[in-house]
Amino acid sequence: MTPTRTTHPKGVNNPRGLKDIPFALPEVTKEQRAHALKIANALAKHYPDAHCELTFTNPHELLIATILSAQSTDAGVNKATPGLFKAFKNPAAYAKSTPEKIQPYIKTIGLFRNKSKSIHESMTRIVEHYDGNVPNTMEDLITLRGVARKTANVVLGNCFDVQDGITVDTHVQRLVWRWGILDEPKANTTLIEKTLMALFPRSRWSTLGHSMVIHGRYNCTARPNCTHEHQICTKFGVNCDKPYNKSKL
């Protein structure tokens, strides 16, 4: 069941359809929204099948995979999770286990010890407070260890079709600058997400995030030898020809 949207005191001045967002969004012009829509349409045209590249079959698996993906690649996570998911069938199985027993399944992933604790504690809370079911609201998800807005957005959009935000990773950070959406390459993820939410139609937030990640991962990369010859780059990439220093983010 999709959570009911009610006006939030901090979102009361947001545009119609966004007043439930628990923070104020930046003001944007009609021209900026129209330009953003052109970008969204171009992404949809070139990446009609864009989707989350983490492998999962249910909400708790995606939640765990997303926790594991922090500072790690999706490919690396997908190599580790089949064994993990086979050993632990549901949140209760993780809750009954220990971080030490989870670690052997994820030791190929960076920060695996800390992530094992996040998995164990988040699954335990799900069992104790949510009857073993992954919650479907931002407010509840971010109470779980290892879960902030980025992870919550991934789970909400892909498992519950809840559009409460836009996932911002390093690819999205890079593209927002290259497309001139924000002029500051050091813009933080909070500002980026708020700006994208103000610009793009809410119904497309989840798919937009996926298509941006795909474009950044495979066609508009951070590598110095990226030629930026893709049609989206040539049409919208006002900064694609400028050096991009990832460390500035």
C-alpha atoms as a PDB file:
ATOM      1  CA  MET A   1       0.000   0.000   0.000  1.00  0.00           C
ATOM      2  CA  THR A   2       1.360   3.413  -0.978  1.00  0.00           C
ATOM      3  CA  PRO A   3       1.652   5.777   2.020  1.00  0.00           C
ATOM      4  CA  THR A   4      -0.884   8.624   2.119  1.00  0.00           C
ATOM      5  CA  ARG A   5       0.574  12.004   1.237  1.00  0.00           C
ATOM      6  CA  THR A   6      -0.239  14.881   3.575  1.00  0.00           C
ATOM      7  CA  THR A   7       1.142  18.389   3.560  1.00  0.00           C
ATOM      8  CA  HIS A   8       4.290  18.706   5.651  1.00  0.00           C
ATOM      9  CA  PRO A   9       4.826  21.987   7.537  1.00  0.00           C
ATOM     10  CA  LYS A  10       8.259  22.423   5.946  1.00  0.00           C
ATOM     11  CA  GLY A  11       6.937  21.664   2.466  1.00  0.00           C
ATOM     12  CA  VAL A  12       3.864  23.881   2.531  1.00  0.00           C
ATOM     13  CA  ASN A  13       5.381  26.320   0.031  1.00  0.00           C
ATOM     14  CA  ASN A  14       6.521  23.642  -2.391  1.00  0.00           C
ATOM     15  CA  PRO A  15       4.714  23.311  -5.743  1.00  0.00           C
ATOM     16  CA  ARG A  16       1.504  21.328  -5.960  1.00  0.00           C
ATOM     17  CA  GLY A  17       2.135  17.620  -5.660  1.00  0.00           C
ATOM     18  CA  LEU A  18       5.300  18.170  -3.626  1.00  0.00           C
ATOM     19  CA  LYS A  19       3.899  19.651  -0.424  1.00  0.00           C
ATOM     20  CA  ASP A  20       4.360  16.377   1.465  1.00  0.00           C
ATOM     21  CA  ILE A  21       8.128  16.605   1.033  1.00  0.00           C
ATOM     22  CA  PRO A  22       9.570  17.347   4.524  1.00  0.00           C
ATOM     23  CA  PHE A  23      11.816  20.183   3.359  1.00  0.00           C
ATOM     24  CA  ALA A  24      11.618  23.225   1.133  1.00  0.00           C
ATOM     25  CA  LEU A  25      12.637  22.782  -2.490  1.00  0.00           C
ATOM     26  CA  PRO A  26      14.526  25.493  -4.382  1.00  0.00           C
ATOM     27  CA  GLU A  27      12.523  27.713  -6.684  1.00  0.00           C
ATOM     28  CA  VAL A  28      12.966  26.963 -10.386  1.00  0.00           C
ATOM     29  CA  THR A  29      11.568  28.643 -13.475  1.00  0.00           C
ATOM     30  CA  LYS A  30       9.239  27.206 -16.087  1.00  0.00           C
ATOM     31  CA  GLU A  31      12.107  27.412 -18.553  1.00  0.00           C
ATOM     32  CA  GLN A  32      14.337  25.367 -16.260  1.00  0.00           C
ATOM     33  CA  ARG A  33      11.637  22.721 -15.824  1.00  0.00           C
ATOM     34  CA  ALA A  34      11.064  22.612 -19.579  1.00  0.00           C
ATOM     35  CA  HIS A  35      14.788  22.107 -20.180  1.00  0.00           C
ATOM     36  CA  ALA A  36      14.896  19.395 -17.523  1.00  0.00           C
ATOM     37  CA  LEU A  37      11.987  17.630 -19.197  1.00  0.00           C
ATOM     38  CA  LYS A  38      13.954  17.560 -22.448  1.00  0.00           C
ATOM     39  CA  ILE A  39      16.805  15.860 -20.608  1.00  0.00           C
ATOM     40  CA  ALA A  40      14.418  13.359 -19.007  1.00  0.00           C
ATOM     41  CA  ASN A  41      12.857  12.558 -22.374  1.00  0.00           C
ATOM     42  CA  ALA A  42      16.267  12.084 -23.977  1.00  0.00           C
ATOM     43  CA  LEU A  43      17.313   9.725 -21.192  1.00  0.00           C
ATOM     44  CA  ALA A  44      14.068   7.752 -21.565  1.00  0.00           C
ATOM     45  CA  LYS A  45      14.643   7.485 -25.310  1.00  0.00           C
ATOM     46  CA  HIS A  46      18.210   6.233 -25.026  1.00  0.00           C
ATOM     47  CA  TYR A  47      17.717   4.085 -21.921  1.00  0.00           C
ATOM     48  CA  PRO A  48      14.132   2.761 -22.072  1.00  0.00           C
ATOM     49  CA  ASP A  49      15.031  -0.286 -19.981  1.00  0.00           C
ATOM     50  CA  ALA A  50      17.083   1.513 -17.324  1.00  0.00           C
ATOM     51  CA  HIS A  51      16.747  -0.256 -14.009  1.00  0.00           C
ATOM     52  CA  CYS A  52      18.542  -0.903 -10.743  1.00  0.00           C
ATOM     53  CA  GLU A  53      21.565  -3.077 -11.539  1.00  0.00           C
ATOM     54  CA  LEU A  54      21.702  -4.637  -8.097  1.00  0.00           C
ATOM     55  CA  THR A  55      20.330  -8.179  -8.079  1.00  0.00           C
ATOM     56  CA  PHE A  56      17.381  -8.790  -5.747  1.00  0.00           C
ATOM     57  CA  THR A  57      14.036 -10.600  -5.554  1.00  0.00           C
ATOM     58  CA  ASN A  58      12.357  -8.833  -2.619  1.00  0.00           C
ATOM     59  CA  PRO A  59      12.603  -5.643  -0.525  1.00  0.00           C
ATOM     60  CA  HIS A  60      14.922  -6.941   2.174  1.00  0.00           C
ATOM     61  CA  GLU A  61      17.380  -8.241  -0.422  1.00  0.00           C
ATOM     62  CA  LEU A  62      17.489  -4.872  -2.164  1.00  0.00           C
ATOM     63  CA  LEU A  63      17.903  -3.100   1.161  1.00  0.00           C
ATOM     64  CA  ILE A  64      20.868  -5.302   2.036  1.00  0.00           C
ATOM     65  CA  ALA A  65      22.399  -5.029  -1.443  1.00  0.00           C
ATOM     66  CA  THR A  66      22.138  -1.243  -1.308  1.00  0.00           C
ATOM     67  CA  ILE A  67      23.765  -1.108   2.125  1.00  0.00           C
ATOM     68  CA  LEU A  68      26.588  -3.225   0.715  1.00  0.00           C
ATOM     69  CA  SER A  69      26.957  -1.000  -2.358  1.00  0.00           C
ATOM     70  CA  ALA A  70      28.216   2.006  -0.386  1.00  0.00           C
ATOM     71  CA  GLN A  71      31.725   2.763  -1.708  1.00  0.00           C
ATOM     72  CA  SER A  72      31.538  -0.493  -3.678  1.00  0.00           C
ATOM     73  CA  THR A  73      30.495  -1.408  -7.198  1.00  0.00           C
ATOM     74  CA  ASP A  74      27.173  -3.002  -8.065  1.00  0.00           C
ATOM     75  CA  ALA A  75      29.078  -5.733  -9.898  1.00  0.00           C
ATOM     76  CA  GLY A  76      31.073  -6.556  -6.784  1.00  0.00           C
ATOM     77  CA  VAL A  77      27.941  -6.639  -4.650  1.00  0.00           C
ATOM     78  CA  ASN A  78      26.160  -8.903  -7.128  1.00  0.00           C
ATOM     79  CA  LYS A  79      29.012 -11.414  -6.899  1.00  0.00           C
ATOM     80  CA  ALA A  80      28.671 -11.630  -3.124  1.00  0.00           C
ATOM     81  CA  THR A  81      24.928 -11.565  -2.550  1.00  0.00           C
ATOM     82  CA  PRO A  82      23.854 -14.923  -4.074  1.00  0.00           C
ATOM     83  CA  GLY A  83      25.636 -16.839  -1.318  1.00  0.00           C
ATOM     84  CA  LEU A  84      24.463 -14.391   1.333  1.00  0.00           C
ATOM     85  CA  PHE A  85      20.831 -14.541   0.246  1.00  0.00           C
ATOM     86  CA  LYS A  86      20.944 -18.331   0.077  1.00  0.00           C
ATOM     87  CA  ALA A  87      22.293 -18.565   3.618  1.00  0.00           C
ATOM     88  CA  PHE A  88      19.848 -16.039   5.086  1.00  0.00           C
ATOM     89  CA  LYS A  89      16.346 -16.370   3.648  1.00  0.00           C
ATOM     90  CA  ASN A  90      14.581 -13.547   5.473  1.00  0.00           C
ATOM     91  CA  PRO A  91      15.106 -10.724   7.985  1.00  0.00           C
ATOM     92  CA  ALA A  92      14.531 -13.087  10.896  1.00  0.00           C
ATOM     93  CA  ALA A  93      17.440 -15.256   9.785  1.00  0.00           C
ATOM     94  CA  TYR A  94      19.794 -12.276   9.889  1.00  0.00           C
ATOM     95  CA  ALA A  95      18.393 -11.153  13.235  1.00  0.00           C
ATOM     96  CA  LYS A  96      19.028 -14.592  14.753  1.00  0.00           C
ATOM     97  CA  SER A  97      22.595 -14.578  13.443  1.00  0.00           C
ATOM     98  CA  THR A  98      25.541 -12.316  14.295  1.00  0.00           C
ATOM     99  CA  PRO A  99      27.673  -9.871  12.310  1.00  0.00           C
ATOM    100  CA  GLU A 100      30.563 -12.320  12.595  1.00  0.00           C
ATOM    101  CA  LYS A 101      28.531 -15.053  10.908  1.00  0.00           C
ATOM    102  CA  ILE A 102      27.450 -12.680   8.134  1.00  0.00           C
ATOM    103  CA  GLN A 103      30.972 -11.452   7.384  1.00  0.00           C
ATOM    104  CA  PRO A 104      32.323 -14.509   5.506  1.00  0.00           C
ATOM    105  CA  TYR A 105      29.682 -14.008   2.812  1.00  0.00           C
ATOM    106  CA  ILE A 106      30.579 -10.361   2.192  1.00  0.00           C
ATOM    107  CA  LYS A 107      34.322 -10.249   2.912  1.00  0.00           C
ATOM    108  CA  THR A 108      35.099  -9.393  -0.727  1.00  0.00           C
ATOM    109  CA  ILE A 109      33.267  -6.072  -0.279  1.00  0.00           C
ATOM    110  CA  GLY A 110      34.903  -2.993   1.189  1.00  0.00           C
ATOM    111  CA  LEU A 111      34.088  -2.108   4.807  1.00  0.00           C
ATOM    112  CA  PHE A 112      32.488  -5.543   5.188  1.00  0.00           C
ATOM    113  CA  ARG A 113      32.816  -5.650   8.980  1.00  0.00           C
ATOM    114  CA  ASN A 114      30.912  -2.410   9.498  1.00  0.00           C
ATOM    115  CA  LYS A 115      28.383  -3.393   6.836  1.00  0.00           C
ATOM    116  CA  SER A 116      27.771  -6.732   8.536  1.00  0.00           C
ATOM    117  CA  LYS A 117      26.794  -4.810  11.675  1.00  0.00           C
ATOM    118  CA  SER A 118      24.459  -2.580   9.655  1.00  0.00           C
ATOM    119  CA  ILE A 119      22.805  -5.597   8.066  1.00  0.00           C
ATOM    120  CA  HIS A 120      22.361  -7.377  11.381  1.00  0.00           C
ATOM    121  CA  GLU A 121      21.009  -4.346  13.234  1.00  0.00           C
ATOM    122  CA  SER A 122      18.712  -3.201  10.417  1.00  0.00           C
ATOM    123  CA  MET A 123      17.216  -6.665   9.970  1.00  0.00           C
ATOM    124  CA  THR A 124      16.800  -6.998  13.735  1.00  0.00           C
ATOM    125  CA  ARG A 125      14.905  -3.710  13.869  1.00  0.00           C
ATOM    126  CA  ILE A 126      12.723  -4.798  10.961  1.00  0.00           C
ATOM    127  CA  VAL A 127      11.814  -7.963  12.848  1.00  0.00           C
ATOM    128  CA  GLU A 128      11.227  -6.216  16.167  1.00  0.00           C
ATOM    129  CA  HIS A 129       9.433  -3.086  14.966  1.00  0.00           C
ATOM    130  CA  TYR A 130       7.958  -3.884  11.547  1.00  0.00           C
ATOM    131  CA  ASP A 131       6.807  -7.493  11.878  1.00  0.00           C
ATOM    132  CA  GLY A 132       9.582  -8.698   9.595  1.00  0.00           C
ATOM    133  CA  ASN A 133       8.592  -6.476   6.679  1.00  0.00           C
ATOM    134  CA  VAL A 134      10.750  -3.744   5.174  1.00  0.00           C
ATOM    135  CA  PRO A 135       8.934  -0.449   5.878  1.00  0.00           C
ATOM    136  CA  ASN A 136       7.692   1.555   2.911  1.00  0.00           C
ATOM    137  CA  THR A 137       8.176   5.102   4.166  1.00  0.00           C
ATOM    138  CA  MET A 138      11.240   7.326   4.193  1.00  0.00           C
ATOM    139  CA  GLU A 139      10.638   8.180   7.842  1.00  0.00           C
ATOM    140  CA  ASP A 140      10.805   4.540   8.910  1.00  0.00           C
ATOM    141  CA  LEU A 141      13.579   3.419   6.582  1.00  0.00           C
ATOM    142  CA  ILE A 142      16.082   6.003   7.771  1.00  0.00           C
ATOM    143  CA  THR A 143      15.735   4.692  11.335  1.00  0.00           C
ATOM    144  CA  LEU A 144      17.579   1.561  10.196  1.00  0.00           C
ATOM    145  CA  ARG A 145      21.332   1.347  10.652  1.00  0.00           C
ATOM    146  CA  GLY A 146      23.207   1.938   7.411  1.00  0.00           C
ATOM    147  CA  VAL A 147      20.223   3.595   5.733  1.00  0.00           C
ATOM    148  CA  ALA A 148      20.147   7.253   4.725  1.00  0.00           C
ATOM    149  CA  ARG A 149      18.100   8.964   1.998  1.00  0.00           C
ATOM    150  CA  LYS A 150      20.099   7.469  -0.860  1.00  0.00           C
ATOM    151  CA  THR A 151      19.482   3.876   0.228  1.00  0.00           C
ATOM    152  CA  ALA A 152      15.891   4.624   1.197  1.00  0.00           C
ATOM    153  CA  ASN A 153      15.199   6.157  -2.228  1.00  0.00           C
ATOM    154  CA  VAL A 154      16.481   3.019  -3.947  1.00  0.00           C
ATOM    155  CA  VAL A 155      14.241   0.743  -1.872  1.00  0.00           C
ATOM    156  CA  LEU A 156      11.146   2.956  -2.037  1.00  0.00           C
ATOM    157  CA  GLY A 157      11.317   3.515  -5.780  1.00  0.00           C
ATOM    158  CA  ASN A 158      12.124  -0.043  -6.817  1.00  0.00           C
ATOM    159  CA  CYS A 159      10.078  -2.046  -4.327  1.00  0.00           C
ATOM    160  CA  PHE A 160       7.108   0.165  -3.486  1.00  0.00           C
ATOM    161  CA  ASP A 161       6.866   2.649  -6.375  1.00  0.00           C
ATOM    162  CA  VAL A 162       7.104   5.452  -3.841  1.00  0.00           C
ATOM    163  CA  GLN A 163       8.663   8.601  -5.288  1.00  0.00           C
ATOM    164  CA  ASP A 164       9.968  10.471  -2.248  1.00  0.00           C
ATOM    165  CA  GLY A 165      13.319  11.525  -3.650  1.00  0.00           C
ATOM    166  CA  ILE A 166      16.010  10.941  -6.248  1.00  0.00           C
ATOM    167  CA  THR A 167      19.027   8.723  -5.679  1.00  0.00           C
ATOM    168  CA  VAL A 168      22.209  10.764  -5.994  1.00  0.00           C
ATOM    169  CA  ASP A 169      25.450   8.838  -6.454  1.00  0.00           C
ATOM    170  CA  THR A 170      28.801   9.894  -7.922  1.00  0.00           C
ATOM    171  CA  HIS A 171      27.498   9.498 -11.488  1.00  0.00           C
ATOM    172  CA  VAL A 172      24.543  11.777 -10.820  1.00  0.00           C
ATOM    173  CA  GLN A 173      26.816  14.286  -9.093  1.00  0.00           C
ATOM    174  CA  ARG A 174      29.020  14.416 -12.168  1.00  0.00           C
ATOM    175  CA  LEU A 175      26.177  14.699 -14.684  1.00  0.00           C
ATOM    176  CA  VAL A 176      24.403  17.490 -12.807  1.00  0.00           C
ATOM    177  CA  TRP A 177      27.522  19.620 -13.258  1.00  0.00           C
ATOM    178  CA  ARG A 178      28.260  18.514 -16.809  1.00  0.00           C
ATOM    179  CA  TRP A 179      24.708  19.359 -17.889  1.00  0.00           C
ATOM    180  CA  GLY A 180      24.868  22.746 -16.213  1.00  0.00           C
ATOM    181  CA  ILE A 181      22.011  22.013 -13.832  1.00  0.00           C
ATOM    182  CA  LEU A 182      24.256  23.270 -11.041  1.00  0.00           C
ATOM    183  CA  ASP A 183      27.321  25.392 -11.738  1.00  0.00           C
ATOM    184  CA  GLU A 184      29.281  24.190  -8.726  1.00  0.00           C
ATOM    185  CA  PRO A 185      31.075  20.839  -9.224  1.00  0.00           C
ATOM    186  CA  LYS A 186      31.442  20.599  -5.438  1.00  0.00           C
ATOM    187  CA  ALA A 187      27.673  20.748  -4.833  1.00  0.00           C
ATOM    188  CA  ASN A 188      26.657  18.377  -2.046  1.00  0.00           C
ATOM    189  CA  THR A 189      24.211  15.545  -2.534  1.00  0.00           C
ATOM    190  CA  THR A 190      21.491  17.246  -0.493  1.00  0.00           C
ATOM    191  CA  LEU A 191      21.443  20.308  -2.758  1.00  0.00           C
ATOM    192  CA  ILE A 192      21.616  18.127  -5.857  1.00  0.00           C
ATOM    193  CA  GLU A 193      18.668  15.990  -4.795  1.00  0.00           C
ATOM    194  CA  LYS A 194      16.525  18.988  -3.868  1.00  0.00           C
ATOM    195  CA  THR A 195      17.296  20.679  -7.190  1.00  0.00           C
ATOM    196  CA  LEU A 196      16.470  17.572  -9.221  1.00  0.00           C
ATOM    197  CA  MET A 197      13.233  17.085  -7.283  1.00  0.00           C
ATOM    198  CA  ALA A 198      12.216  20.658  -8.076  1.00  0.00           C
ATOM    199  CA  LEU A 199      13.069  20.320 -11.772  1.00  0.00           C
ATOM    200  CA  PHE A 200      11.833  16.891 -12.829  1.00  0.00           C
ATOM    201  CA  PRO A 201       8.306  15.399 -12.748  1.00  0.00           C
ATOM    202  CA  ARG A 202       7.777  13.368  -9.582  1.00  0.00           C
ATOM    203  CA  SER A 203       6.398  10.388 -11.471  1.00  0.00           C
ATOM    204  CA  ARG A 204       9.788   9.976 -13.147  1.00  0.00           C
ATOM    205  CA  TRP A 205      12.124  10.386 -10.188  1.00  0.00           C
ATOM    206  CA  SER A 206      13.004   6.706  -9.795  1.00  0.00           C
ATOM    207  CA  THR A 207      13.525   5.939 -13.488  1.00  0.00           C
ATOM    208  CA  LEU A 208      15.372   9.225 -13.921  1.00  0.00           C
ATOM    209  CA  GLY A 209      17.872   8.168 -11.275  1.00  0.00           C
ATOM    210  CA  HIS A 210      18.444   4.828 -12.986  1.00  0.00           C
ATOM    211  CA  SER A 211      18.915   6.329 -16.452  1.00  0.00           C
ATOM    212  CA  MET A 212      21.326   8.961 -15.135  1.00  0.00           C
ATOM    213  CA  VAL A 213      23.397   6.290 -13.413  1.00  0.00           C
ATOM    214  CA  ILE A 214      23.462   4.159 -16.575  1.00  0.00           C
ATOM    215  CA  HIS A 215      24.490   7.141 -18.705  1.00  0.00           C
ATOM    216  CA  GLY A 216      27.213   8.142 -16.270  1.00  0.00           C
ATOM    217  CA  ARG A 217      28.450   4.600 -15.761  1.00  0.00           C
ATOM    218  CA  TYR A 218      28.737   3.629 -19.418  1.00  0.00           C
ATOM    219  CA  ASN A 219      28.718   6.722 -21.640  1.00  0.00           C
ATOM    220  CA  CYS A 220      29.660   9.877 -19.718  1.00  0.00           C
ATOM    221  CA  THR A 221      32.277   8.486 -17.400  1.00  0.00           C
ATOM    222  CA  ALA A 222      34.737  10.136 -15.059  1.00  0.00           C
ATOM    223  CA  ARG A 223      37.665   8.703 -16.997  1.00  0.00           C
ATOM    224  CA  PRO A 224      39.975  11.300 -18.589  1.00  0.00           C
ATOM    225  CA  ASN A 225      39.694   9.585 -21.976  1.00  0.00           C
ATOM    226  CA  CYS A 226      35.881   9.879 -22.111  1.00  0.00           C
ATOM    227  CA  THR A 227      35.087  11.411 -25.515  1.00  0.00           C
ATOM    228  CA  HIS A 228      31.573  12.631 -24.658  1.00  0.00           C
ATOM    229  CA  GLU A 229      30.314  11.707 -28.106  1.00  0.00           C
ATOM    230  CA  HIS A 230      26.953  10.386 -26.930  1.00  0.00           C
ATOM    231  CA  GLN A 231      23.977  12.365 -28.254  1.00  0.00           C
ATOM    232  CA  ILE A 232      22.938  13.378 -24.736  1.00  0.00           C
ATOM    233  CA  CYS A 233      26.432  14.739 -24.078  1.00  0.00           C
ATOM    234  CA  THR A 234      26.590  16.682 -27.328  1.00  0.00           C
ATOM    235  CA  LYS A 235      23.132  18.195 -26.784  1.00  0.00           C
ATOM    236  CA  PHE A 236      23.092  18.905 -23.043  1.00  0.00           C
ATOM    237  CA  GLY A 237      26.699  18.579 -21.867  1.00  0.00           C
ATOM    238  CA  VAL A 238      27.670  22.229 -21.533  1.00  0.00           C
ATOM    239  CA  ASN A 239      30.565  21.246 -19.263  1.00  0.00           C
ATOM    240  CA  CYS A 240      31.454  17.883 -20.785  1.00  0.00           C
ATOM    241  CA  ASP A 241      34.544  19.342 -22.460  1.00  0.00           C
ATOM    242  CA  LYS A 242      35.896  20.678 -19.169  1.00  0.00           C
ATOM    243  CA  PRO A 243      38.200  18.709 -16.843  1.00  0.00           C
ATOM    244  CA  TYR A 244      36.330  16.967 -14.084  1.00  0.00           C
ATOM    245  CA  ASN A 245      38.097  16.362 -10.799  1.00  0.00           C
ATOM    246  CA  LYS A 246      36.175  13.788  -8.818  1.00  0.00           C
ATOM    247  CA  SER A 247      38.066  14.681  -5.662  1.00  0.00           C
ATOM    248  CA  LYS A 248      36.388  18.100  -5.663  1.00  0.00           C
ATOM    249  CA  LEU A 249      33.027  16.564  -4.823  1.00  0.00           C
END
